[in-house]
C-alpha atoms as a PDB file:
ATOM      1  CA  MET A   1      -2.748 131.601  -6.879  1.00  0.00           C
ATOM      2  CA  ASN A   2      -6.451 130.193  -7.460  1.00  0.00           C
ATOM      3  CA  LEU A   3      -6.114 126.110  -7.232  1.00  0.00           C
ATOM      4  CA  THR A   4      -8.288 123.347  -8.336  1.00  0.00           C
ATOM      5  CA  ILE A   5      -7.871 120.027  -6.547  1.00  0.00           C
ATOM      6  CA  VAL A   6      -8.403 117.014  -8.583  1.00  0.00           C
ATOM      7  CA  GLY A   7      -8.168 114.259  -6.217  1.00  0.00           C
ATOM      8  CA  PRO A   8      -9.739 114.827  -2.304  1.00  0.00           C
ATOM      9  CA  GLY A   9      -7.589 111.860  -1.088  1.00  0.00           C
ATOM     10  CA  ARG A  10      -4.367 112.530   1.730  1.00  0.00           C
ATOM     11  CA  ALA A  11      -2.160 114.090  -0.938  1.00  0.00           C
ATOM     12  CA  GLY A  12      -4.332 116.439  -2.405  1.00  0.00           C
ATOM     13  CA  MET A  13      -6.277 117.650   0.795  1.00  0.00           C
ATOM     14  CA  SER A  14      -2.714 118.252   2.539  1.00  0.00           C
ATOM     15  CA  LEU A  15      -1.809 120.376  -0.407  1.00  0.00           C
ATOM     16  CA  ALA A  16      -5.048 122.088  -0.382  1.00  0.00           C
ATOM     17  CA  LEU A  17      -4.710 122.781   3.532  1.00  0.00           C
ATOM     18  CA  ALA A  18      -1.196 123.970   3.025  1.00  0.00           C
ATOM     19  CA  ALA A  19      -2.079 126.375  -0.002  1.00  0.00           C
ATOM     20  CA  ALA A  20      -5.037 127.618   1.811  1.00  0.00           C
ATOM     21  CA  ALA A  21      -3.099 128.167   4.996  1.00  0.00           C
ATOM     22  CA  ALA A  22      -0.526 130.098   3.174  1.00  0.00           C
ATOM     23  CA  GLY A  23      -3.315 132.736   1.394  1.00  0.00           C
ATOM     24  CA  HIS A  24      -3.857 130.899  -1.491  1.00  0.00           C
ATOM     25  CA  ALA A  25      -7.569 130.553  -2.719  1.00  0.00           C
ATOM     26  CA  VAL A  26      -8.885 126.858  -3.340  1.00  0.00           C
ATOM     27  CA  VAL A  27     -11.683 127.433  -5.442  1.00  0.00           C
ATOM     28  CA  GLY A  28     -12.427 123.558  -6.642  1.00  0.00           C
ATOM     29  CA  ILE A  29     -12.047 120.172  -5.286  1.00  0.00           C
ATOM     30  CA  LEU A  30     -13.062 117.597  -7.917  1.00  0.00           C
ATOM     31  CA  ALA A  31     -13.932 114.120  -7.221  1.00  0.00           C
ATOM     32  CA  ARG A  32     -15.445 111.389  -8.973  1.00  0.00           C
ATOM     33  CA  THR A  33     -18.906 112.771  -7.905  1.00  0.00           C
ATOM     34  CA  ALA A  34     -19.945 115.745  -6.275  1.00  0.00           C
ATOM     35  CA  GLU A  35     -21.020 114.509  -3.227  1.00  0.00           C
ATOM     36  CA  ALA A  36     -17.536 112.926  -2.432  1.00  0.00           C
ATOM     37  CA  ALA A  37     -16.069 116.038  -3.030  1.00  0.00           C
ATOM     38  CA  GLU A  38     -18.455 118.162  -0.422  1.00  0.00           C
ATOM     39  CA  GLN A  39     -16.783 117.678   2.684  1.00  0.00           C
ATOM     40  CA  PRO A  40     -13.022 117.909   1.737  1.00  0.00           C
ATOM     41  CA  ALA A  41     -14.360 120.913  -0.303  1.00  0.00           C
ATOM     42  CA  GLY A  42     -16.573 122.527   2.768  1.00  0.00           C
ATOM     43  CA  SER A  43     -12.834 122.620   4.667  1.00  0.00           C
ATOM     44  CA  VAL A  44     -11.170 124.816   2.516  1.00  0.00           C
ATOM     45  CA  GLY A  45     -14.266 127.173   1.171  1.00  0.00           C
ATOM     46  CA  ALA A  46     -14.117 125.603  -2.464  1.00  0.00           C
ATOM     47  CA  ALA A  47     -16.912 124.360  -4.463  1.00  0.00           C
ATOM     48  CA  ALA A  48     -17.732 120.519  -4.612  1.00  0.00           C
ATOM     49  CA  LEU A  49     -17.112 119.527  -8.400  1.00  0.00           C
ATOM     50  CA  ALA A  50     -17.435 116.246 -10.305  1.00  0.00           C
ATOM     51  CA  ILE A  51     -15.521 114.949 -13.368  1.00  0.00           C
ATOM     52  CA  GLY A  52     -17.461 116.668 -16.067  1.00  0.00           C
ATOM     53  CA  ASP A  53     -17.985 119.859 -14.396  1.00  0.00           C
ATOM     54  CA  GLU A  54     -16.859 123.109 -16.067  1.00  0.00           C
ATOM     55  CA  LEU A  55     -13.393 124.047 -13.816  1.00  0.00           C
ATOM     56  CA  PRO A  56     -13.063 127.306 -12.305  1.00  0.00           C
ATOM     57  CA  PRO A  57     -10.846 129.911 -13.072  1.00  0.00           C
ATOM     58  CA  SER A  58      -7.616 128.415 -11.952  1.00  0.00           C
ATOM     59  CA  ASP A  59      -4.345 129.575 -12.041  1.00  0.00           C
ATOM     60  CA  LEU A  60      -3.243 125.808 -10.984  1.00  0.00           C
ATOM     61  CA  VAL A  61      -5.234 122.379 -11.890  1.00  0.00           C
ATOM     62  CA  VAL A  62      -3.682 119.881  -9.258  1.00  0.00           C
ATOM     63  CA  LEU A  63      -4.243 116.148 -10.114  1.00  0.00           C
ATOM     64  CA  ALA A  64      -3.579 114.184  -6.936  1.00  0.00           C
ATOM     65  CA  VAL A  65      -4.363 110.901  -8.324  1.00  0.00           C
ATOM     66  CA  ARG A  66      -2.870 107.337  -8.628  1.00  0.00           C
ATOM     67  CA  ASP A  67       0.196 107.330 -11.222  1.00  0.00           C
ATOM     68  CA  ASP A  68      -1.869 104.680 -13.374  1.00  0.00           C
ATOM     69  CA  ALA A  69      -4.893 107.211 -13.683  1.00  0.00           C
ATOM     70  CA  ILE A  70      -3.069 110.543 -14.423  1.00  0.00           C
ATOM     71  CA  THR A  71      -3.534 110.217 -17.992  1.00  0.00           C
ATOM     72  CA  ALA A  72      -6.949 108.897 -18.112  1.00  0.00           C
ATOM     73  CA  VAL A  73      -7.898 111.978 -15.508  1.00  0.00           C
ATOM     74  CA  ALA A  74      -6.354 114.281 -17.651  1.00  0.00           C
ATOM     75  CA  ALA A  75      -8.070 113.156 -20.955  1.00  0.00           C
ATOM     76  CA  ALA A  76     -11.693 113.317 -18.776  1.00  0.00           C
ATOM     77  CA  LEU A  77     -10.910 116.897 -17.955  1.00  0.00           C
ATOM     78  CA  ALA A  78      -9.526 118.119 -21.134  1.00  0.00           C
ATOM     79  CA  GLY A  79     -12.808 119.467 -22.289  1.00  0.00           C
ATOM     80  CA  THR A  80     -13.449 121.545 -18.790  1.00  0.00           C
ATOM     81  CA  VAL A  81     -10.585 123.618 -18.553  1.00  0.00           C
ATOM     82  CA  ALA A  82     -10.941 126.469 -21.075  1.00  0.00           C
ATOM     83  CA  ARG A  83     -10.371 128.710 -17.746  1.00  0.00           C
ATOM     84  CA  CYS A  84      -7.587 127.241 -16.319  1.00  0.00           C
ATOM     85  CA  ARG A  85      -3.768 128.244 -16.736  1.00  0.00           C
ATOM     86  CA  ALA A  86      -1.665 125.434 -15.749  1.00  0.00           C
ATOM     87  CA  ALA A  87      -1.910 121.948 -14.647  1.00  0.00           C
ATOM     88  CA  VAL A  88       0.436 119.532 -12.513  1.00  0.00           C
ATOM     89  CA  HIS A  89       0.493 116.117 -11.051  1.00  0.00           C
ATOM     90  CA  VAL A  90       1.916 115.092  -7.753  1.00  0.00           C
ATOM     91  CA  SER A  91       3.900 111.885  -8.946  1.00  0.00           C
ATOM     92  CA  GLY A  92       7.461 111.697  -8.322  1.00  0.00           C
ATOM     93  CA  LEU A  93       7.735 109.001 -10.874  1.00  0.00           C
ATOM     94  CA  ALA A  94       5.052 109.514 -13.972  1.00  0.00           C
ATOM     95  CA  PRO A  95       6.544 112.107 -16.563  1.00  0.00           C
ATOM     96  CA  VAL A  96       4.860 115.378 -17.349  1.00  0.00           C
ATOM     97  CA  SER A  97       3.930 113.518 -20.603  1.00  0.00           C
ATOM     98  CA  ALA A  98       0.969 112.031 -18.693  1.00  0.00           C
ATOM     99  CA  LEU A  99      -0.534 115.353 -18.707  1.00  0.00           C
ATOM    100  CA  ASP A 100      -0.580 115.333 -22.799  1.00  0.00           C
ATOM    101  CA  PRO A 101      -4.240 115.783 -22.734  1.00  0.00           C
ATOM    102  CA  LEU A 102      -4.155 119.044 -20.918  1.00  0.00           C
ATOM    103  CA  ALA A 103      -1.307 119.883 -22.515  1.00  0.00           C
ATOM    104  CA  ASP A 104      -3.227 119.548 -26.177  1.00  0.00           C
ATOM    105  CA  SER A 105      -5.696 121.725 -24.338  1.00  0.00           C
ATOM    106  CA  ASP A 106      -3.327 124.562 -24.373  1.00  0.00           C
ATOM    107  CA  LEU A 107      -2.759 124.273 -20.481  1.00  0.00           C
ATOM    108  CA  SER A 108       1.040 124.793 -19.168  1.00  0.00           C
ATOM    109  CA  VAL A 109       2.025 121.294 -17.441  1.00  0.00           C
ATOM    110  CA  GLY A 110       4.369 119.837 -14.783  1.00  0.00           C
ATOM    111  CA  SER A 111       4.820 118.034 -11.593  1.00  0.00           C
ATOM    112  CA  PHE A 112       4.842 119.030  -8.296  1.00  0.00           C
ATOM    113  CA  HIS A 113       6.217 115.978  -5.787  1.00  0.00           C
ATOM    114  CA  PRO A 114       6.336 116.943  -1.868  1.00  0.00           C
ATOM    115  CA  LEU A 115       8.898 114.393  -0.634  1.00  0.00           C
ATOM    116  CA  GLN A 116       7.374 113.697   2.626  1.00  0.00           C
ATOM    117  CA  THR A 117       4.972 111.118   3.976  1.00  0.00           C
ATOM    118  CA  LEU A 118       1.220 112.616   4.014  1.00  0.00           C
ATOM    119  CA  PRO A 119      -0.560 110.332   6.502  1.00  0.00           C
ATOM    120  CA  THR A 120      -3.888 112.234   6.973  1.00  0.00           C
ATOM    121  CA  PRO A 121      -4.787 115.656   5.431  1.00  0.00           C
ATOM    122  CA  GLU A 122      -4.080 117.694   8.676  1.00  0.00           C
ATOM    123  CA  ALA A 123      -0.652 116.010   9.299  1.00  0.00           C
ATOM    124  CA  GLY A 124       0.375 116.105   5.755  1.00  0.00           C
ATOM    125  CA  ALA A 125      -0.461 120.180   5.533  1.00  0.00           C
ATOM    126  CA  THR A 126       1.797 120.466   8.555  1.00  0.00           C
ATOM    127  CA  ARG A 127       4.624 118.532   7.349  1.00  0.00           C
ATOM    128  CA  LEU A 128       5.061 119.892   4.093  1.00  0.00           C
ATOM    129  CA  ALA A 129       6.466 123.207   6.080  1.00  0.00           C
ATOM    130  CA  GLY A 130      10.413 122.276   5.868  1.00  0.00           C
ATOM    131  CA  SER A 131      10.031 119.670   2.972  1.00  0.00           C
ATOM    132  CA  TRP A 132      11.549 119.191  -0.351  1.00  0.00           C
ATOM    133  CA  ILE A 133       9.124 119.704  -3.448  1.00  0.00           C
ATOM    134  CA  GLY A 134      10.488 118.009  -6.803  1.00  0.00           C
ATOM    135  CA  ILE A 135       9.316 120.112  -9.722  1.00  0.00           C
ATOM    136  CA  THR A 136       9.387 119.016 -12.810  1.00  0.00           C
ATOM    137  CA  THR A 137       8.724 121.716 -16.208  1.00  0.00           C
ATOM    138  CA  ASP A 138      10.441 122.742 -19.191  1.00  0.00           C
ATOM    139  CA  ILE A 139       7.938 126.218 -18.930  1.00  0.00           C
ATOM    140  CA  PRO A 140       9.868 128.994 -17.112  1.00  0.00           C
ATOM    141  CA  ALA A 141       6.645 130.690 -16.047  1.00  0.00           C
ATOM    142  CA  LEU A 142       5.216 127.738 -14.391  1.00  0.00           C
ATOM    143  CA  LYS A 143       8.599 126.629 -13.135  1.00  0.00           C
ATOM    144  CA  GLU A 144       8.611 130.253 -11.146  1.00  0.00           C
ATOM    145  CA  ARG A 145       5.056 129.839 -10.152  1.00  0.00           C
ATOM    146  CA  LEU A 146       5.704 126.218  -8.803  1.00  0.00           C
ATOM    147  CA  GLU A 147       8.614 127.520  -6.932  1.00  0.00           C
ATOM    148  CA  SER A 148       6.616 130.295  -5.255  1.00  0.00           C
ATOM    149  CA  LEU A 149       3.970 128.032  -4.370  1.00  0.00           C
ATOM    150  CA  ALA A 150       6.415 125.875  -2.635  1.00  0.00           C
ATOM    151  CA  ARG A 151       8.036 128.570  -1.005  1.00  0.00           C
ATOM    152  CA  SER A 152       4.610 130.372   0.326  1.00  0.00           C
ATOM    153  CA  MET A 153       3.713 126.863   2.010  1.00  0.00           C
ATOM    154  CA  GLY A 154       7.354 126.804   3.937  1.00  0.00           C
ATOM    155  CA  ALA A 155       8.776 124.195   1.521  1.00  0.00           C
ATOM    156  CA  HIS A 156      12.189 123.899  -0.449  1.00  0.00           C
ATOM    157  CA  PRO A 157      11.724 123.413  -4.371  1.00  0.00           C
ATOM    158  CA  PHE A 158      14.326 121.721  -6.382  1.00  0.00           C
ATOM    159  CA  ALA A 159      14.540 120.683 -10.058  1.00  0.00           C
ATOM    160  CA  LEU A 160      13.480 117.301 -10.847  1.00  0.00           C
ATOM    161  CA  PRO A 161      14.340 116.416 -14.252  1.00  0.00           C
ATOM    162  CA  ASP A 162      11.812 114.182 -15.825  1.00  0.00           C
ATOM    163  CA  GLU A 163      14.675 111.568 -17.208  1.00  0.00           C
ATOM    164  CA  ALA A 164      15.949 111.144 -13.345  1.00  0.00           C
ATOM    165  CA  LYS A 165      12.342 110.511 -11.803  1.00  0.00           C
ATOM    166  CA  ALA A 166      12.579 106.709 -11.863  1.00  0.00           C
ATOM    167  CA  THR A 167      16.048 106.897 -10.153  1.00  0.00           C
ATOM    168  CA  TYR A 168      14.818 109.598  -7.599  1.00  0.00           C
ATOM    169  CA  HIS A 169      11.744 107.699  -6.823  1.00  0.00           C
ATOM    170  CA  ALA A 170      13.458 104.479  -6.310  1.00  0.00           C
ATOM    171  CA  GLY A 171      15.663 106.568  -3.540  1.00  0.00           C
ATOM    172  CA  ALA A 172      12.711 108.182  -1.871  1.00  0.00           C
ATOM    173  CA  ALA A 173      11.307 104.778  -1.489  1.00  0.00           C
ATOM    174  CA  ALA A 174      14.622 103.503  -0.188  1.00  0.00           C
ATOM    175  CA  ALA A 175      14.705 106.243   2.533  1.00  0.00           C
ATOM    176  CA  ALA A 176      11.118 106.023   3.539  1.00  0.00           C
ATOM    177  CA  ASN A 177      10.903 102.086   3.701  1.00  0.00           C
ATOM    178  CA  PHE A 178      14.128 100.227   3.883  1.00  0.00           C
ATOM    179  CA  PRO A 179      14.852 101.668   7.342  1.00  0.00           C
ATOM    180  CA  LEU A 180      11.687 100.332   8.778  1.00  0.00           C
ATOM    181  CA  ALA A 181      12.772  96.859   8.066  1.00  0.00           C
ATOM    182  CA  ALA A 182      15.624  97.466  10.026  1.00  0.00           C
ATOM    183  CA  LEU A 183      13.829  99.162  12.653  1.00  0.00           C
ATOM    184  CA  ALA A 184      11.096  96.047  12.671  1.00  0.00           C
ATOM    185  CA  MET A 185      14.182  93.629  13.062  1.00  0.00           C
ATOM    186  CA  ALA A 186      15.663  95.724  15.861  1.00  0.00           C
ATOM    187  CA  SER A 187      12.333  95.765  17.438  1.00  0.00           C
ATOM    188  CA  ASP A 188      12.070  92.163  17.417  1.00  0.00           C
ATOM    189  CA  LEU A 189      15.625  91.712  19.185  1.00  0.00           C
ATOM    190  CA  PHE A 190      14.466  94.194  22.025  1.00  0.00           C
ATOM    191  CA  GLU A 191      11.537  92.471  22.695  1.00  0.00           C
ATOM    192  CA  GLN A 192      13.287  89.109  22.750  1.00  0.00           C
ATOM    193  CA  ALA A 193      15.868  90.937  25.305  1.00  0.00           C
ATOM    194  CA  GLY A 194      13.091  92.108  27.168  1.00  0.00           C
ATOM    195  CA  VAL A 195      13.951  95.803  26.413  1.00  0.00           C
ATOM    196  CA  PRO A 196      11.439  98.595  25.794  1.00  0.00           C
ATOM    197  CA  TRP A 197      11.390  99.569  22.289  1.00  0.00           C
ATOM    198  CA  GLU A 198      11.204 103.252  23.178  1.00  0.00           C
ATOM    199  CA  ALA A 199      14.911 102.951  24.680  1.00  0.00           C
ATOM    200  CA  ALA A 200      15.781 102.856  21.158  1.00  0.00           C
ATOM    201  CA  ARG A 201      14.633 106.637  20.137  1.00  0.00           C
ATOM    202  CA  PRO A 202      17.482 108.513  21.250  1.00  0.00           C
ATOM    203  CA  LEU A 203      20.029 106.158  19.740  1.00  0.00           C
ATOM    204  CA  VAL A 204      17.757 106.125  16.319  1.00  0.00           C
ATOM    205  CA  GLU A 205      17.216 109.922  16.160  1.00  0.00           C
ATOM    206  CA  ALA A 206      21.300 110.784  16.768  1.00  0.00           C
ATOM    207  CA  VAL A 207      22.021 108.148  14.165  1.00  0.00           C
ATOM    208  CA  ILE A 208      19.899 109.996  11.400  1.00  0.00           C
ATOM    209  CA  ALA A 209      20.948 113.414  12.719  1.00  0.00           C
ATOM    210  CA  ASN A 210      24.646 112.080  12.241  1.00  0.00           C
ATOM    211  CA  ALA A 211      23.619 110.472   8.223  1.00  0.00           C
ATOM    212  CA  PHE A 212      22.395 114.216   7.440  1.00  0.00           C
ATOM    213  CA  GLU A 213      25.339 115.924   9.379  1.00  0.00           C
ATOM    214  CA  LEU A 214      27.991 113.591   8.350  1.00  0.00           C
ATOM    215  CA  GLY A 215      26.690 111.559   5.296  1.00  0.00           C
ATOM    216  CA  PRO A 216      25.471 108.167   5.716  1.00  0.00           C
ATOM    217  CA  ARG A 217      28.625 106.462   5.006  1.00  0.00           C
ATOM    218  CA  ALA A 218      31.022 108.528   7.469  1.00  0.00           C
ATOM    219  CA  ALA A 219      27.975 108.145   9.840  1.00  0.00           C
ATOM    220  CA  LEU A 220      28.816 104.204  10.221  1.00  0.00           C
ATOM    221  CA  THR A 221      29.848 103.114  13.872  1.00  0.00           C
ATOM    222  CA  GLY A 222      29.849  99.959  15.454  1.00  0.00           C
ATOM    223  CA  PRO A 223      31.402  96.527  15.293  1.00  0.00           C
ATOM    224  CA  VAL A 224      31.110  96.084  11.508  1.00  0.00           C
ATOM    225  CA  ALA A 225      32.600  99.656  10.649  1.00  0.00           C
ATOM    226  CA  ARG A 226      35.620  98.765  13.601  1.00  0.00           C
ATOM    227  CA  GLY A 227      36.120  95.399  11.867  1.00  0.00           C
ATOM    228  CA  ASP A 228      35.176  93.582  14.962  1.00  0.00           C
ATOM    229  CA  VAL A 229      34.501  90.177  13.820  1.00  0.00           C
ATOM    230  CA  ALA A 230      34.107  88.613  17.143  1.00  0.00           C
ATOM    231  CA  THR A 231      31.353  90.495  18.451  1.00  0.00           C
ATOM    232  CA  VAL A 232      29.667  90.264  15.088  1.00  0.00           C
ATOM    233  CA  LYS A 233      29.525  86.393  15.673  1.00  0.00           C
ATOM    234  CA  GLY A 234      28.097  86.824  18.856  1.00  0.00           C
ATOM    235  CA  GLN A 235      25.858  89.090  17.171  1.00  0.00           C
ATOM    236  CA  PHE A 236      24.842  86.442  14.761  1.00  0.00           C
ATOM    237  CA  ASP A 237      24.602  83.621  17.597  1.00  0.00           C
ATOM    238  CA  ALA A 238      22.146  85.530  19.209  1.00  0.00           C
ATOM    239  CA  VAL A 239      19.798  86.330  16.216  1.00  0.00           C
ATOM    240  CA  TYR A 240      19.714  82.739  15.276  1.00  0.00           C
ATOM    241  CA  ARG A 241      18.944  81.427  18.604  1.00  0.00           C
ATOM    242  CA  ASP A 242      16.004  84.230  19.680  1.00  0.00           C
ATOM    243  CA  THR A 243      14.680  85.370  16.075  1.00  0.00           C
ATOM    244  CA  PRO A 244      15.860  82.840  13.448  1.00  0.00           C
ATOM    245  CA  GLU A 245      13.266  84.189  10.940  1.00  0.00           C
ATOM    246  CA  TRP A 246      15.699  87.364  10.719  1.00  0.00           C
ATOM    247  CA  ARG A 247      18.750  85.002   9.992  1.00  0.00           C
ATOM    248  CA  ALA A 248      19.315  86.017   6.241  1.00  0.00           C
ATOM    249  CA  THR A 249      18.084  89.684   6.752  1.00  0.00           C
ATOM    250  CA  TYR A 250      20.688  90.478   9.552  1.00  0.00           C
ATOM    251  CA  ALA A 251      23.399  88.492   7.407  1.00  0.00           C
ATOM    252  CA  ALA A 252      22.182  90.705   4.405  1.00  0.00           C
ATOM    253  CA  PHE A 253      22.778  93.828   6.423  1.00  0.00           C
ATOM    254  CA  VAL A 254      26.043  93.269   8.018  1.00  0.00           C
ATOM    255  CA  GLN A 255      27.161  92.391   4.410  1.00  0.00           C
ATOM    256  CA  ILE A 256      26.135  95.975   3.206  1.00  0.00           C
ATOM    257  CA  LEU A 257      27.888  97.518   6.170  1.00  0.00           C
ATOM    258  CA  ALA A 258      30.925  95.621   5.457  1.00  0.00           C
ATOM    259  CA  ARG A 259      30.923  97.060   1.890  1.00  0.00           C
ATOM    260  CA  LEU A 260      30.082 100.394   3.202  1.00  0.00           C
ATOM    261  CA  ALA A 261      32.987 100.080   5.836  1.00  0.00           C
ATOM    262  CA  GLY A 262      35.385  98.907   3.293  1.00  0.00           C
ATOM    263  CA  ARG A 263      35.839  95.635   5.220  1.00  0.00           C
ATOM    264  CA  VAL A 264      34.023  93.127   2.965  1.00  0.00           C
ATOM    265  CA  ASP A 265      37.237  90.638   3.350  1.00  0.00           C
ATOM    266  CA  SER A 266      36.950  90.639   6.945  1.00  0.00           C
ATOM    267  CA  PHE A 267      33.452  89.574   6.924  1.00  0.00           C
ATOM    268  CA  ASP A 268      32.861  87.870   4.034  1.00  0.00           C
ATOM    269  CA  ASP A 269      33.407  84.358   5.561  1.00  0.00           C
ATOM    270  CA  VAL A 270      31.818  84.819   8.529  1.00  0.00           C
ATOM    271  CA  ILE A 271      28.513  85.923   6.689  1.00  0.00           C
ATOM    272  CA  GLU A 272      28.395  83.061   4.413  1.00  0.00           C
ATOM    273  CA  GLN A 273      28.926  80.800   7.132  1.00  0.00           C
ATOM    274  CA  TRP A 274      26.280  82.178   9.357  1.00  0.00           C
ATOM    275  CA  ARG A 275      23.556  82.347   6.093  1.00  0.00           C
ATOM    276  CA  VAL A 276      22.955  78.554   7.126  1.00  0.00           C
ATOM    277  CA  PRO A 277      20.920  77.709  10.029  1.00  0.00           C
ATOM    278  CA  GLN A 278      23.073  76.085  12.551  1.00  0.00           C
ATOM    279  CA  GLU A 279      21.434  73.120  12.317  1.00  0.00           C
ATOM    280  CA  GLU A 280      22.446  72.598   8.783  1.00  0.00           C
ATOM    281  CA  ARG A 281      25.911  73.278   9.327  1.00  0.00           C
END
């Protein structure tokens, strides 16, 4: 396909590099100004474009802009897309209707959301291979083209209903960010114990592998899963002594684990007791 990328940031350029490597032609990179588009456009041999420029003949226009800017950018492009066939945005939350200004210009519209972290264009392009990409559109021909685009980059396309996007995006945010809170807490506890943080990596990697092989609930191990209240009390004592700033968070995590393990009755009393700082008991 011939693609025009609108928004040469991390997501847009990750897709541009991955698409070019897969044999597609990136024919245009569009930014606020042509000067801002020159360097990223040069990296994929595309034309550098600015808002208001007529877009080159494109099978797909990809809007990789902030969620709250999608409709405004689509409206700004509406008079410049006469030679384009379809457009998508890359938001996992915004509905396809955010592209209504382009649909009104007779383009087929949808969304194409990579379920992956894209820290830099180069790293993002590499990480797209093997990732999953949510595809939302009511147009069968566009759905087929988007699935083909995803597969050509080594990704796995899946259907993402518009009405499920908010729930899906909440799940994606939980998967991508909530574990980092637990790891930050673990890092501080390791530091207090004089243990190198790197020592946790094999354990964490094995736990994540277990979660995807067995399911997150079946992968639970440790004292909460066993119902070992005495051990958890000892952990609470250490947390409150050495990292009191994590007191409430640690108790909240234990409460969640107890619910998942079906051991709420065993841990409710000790959790409520240890939510309160020792000096206030």
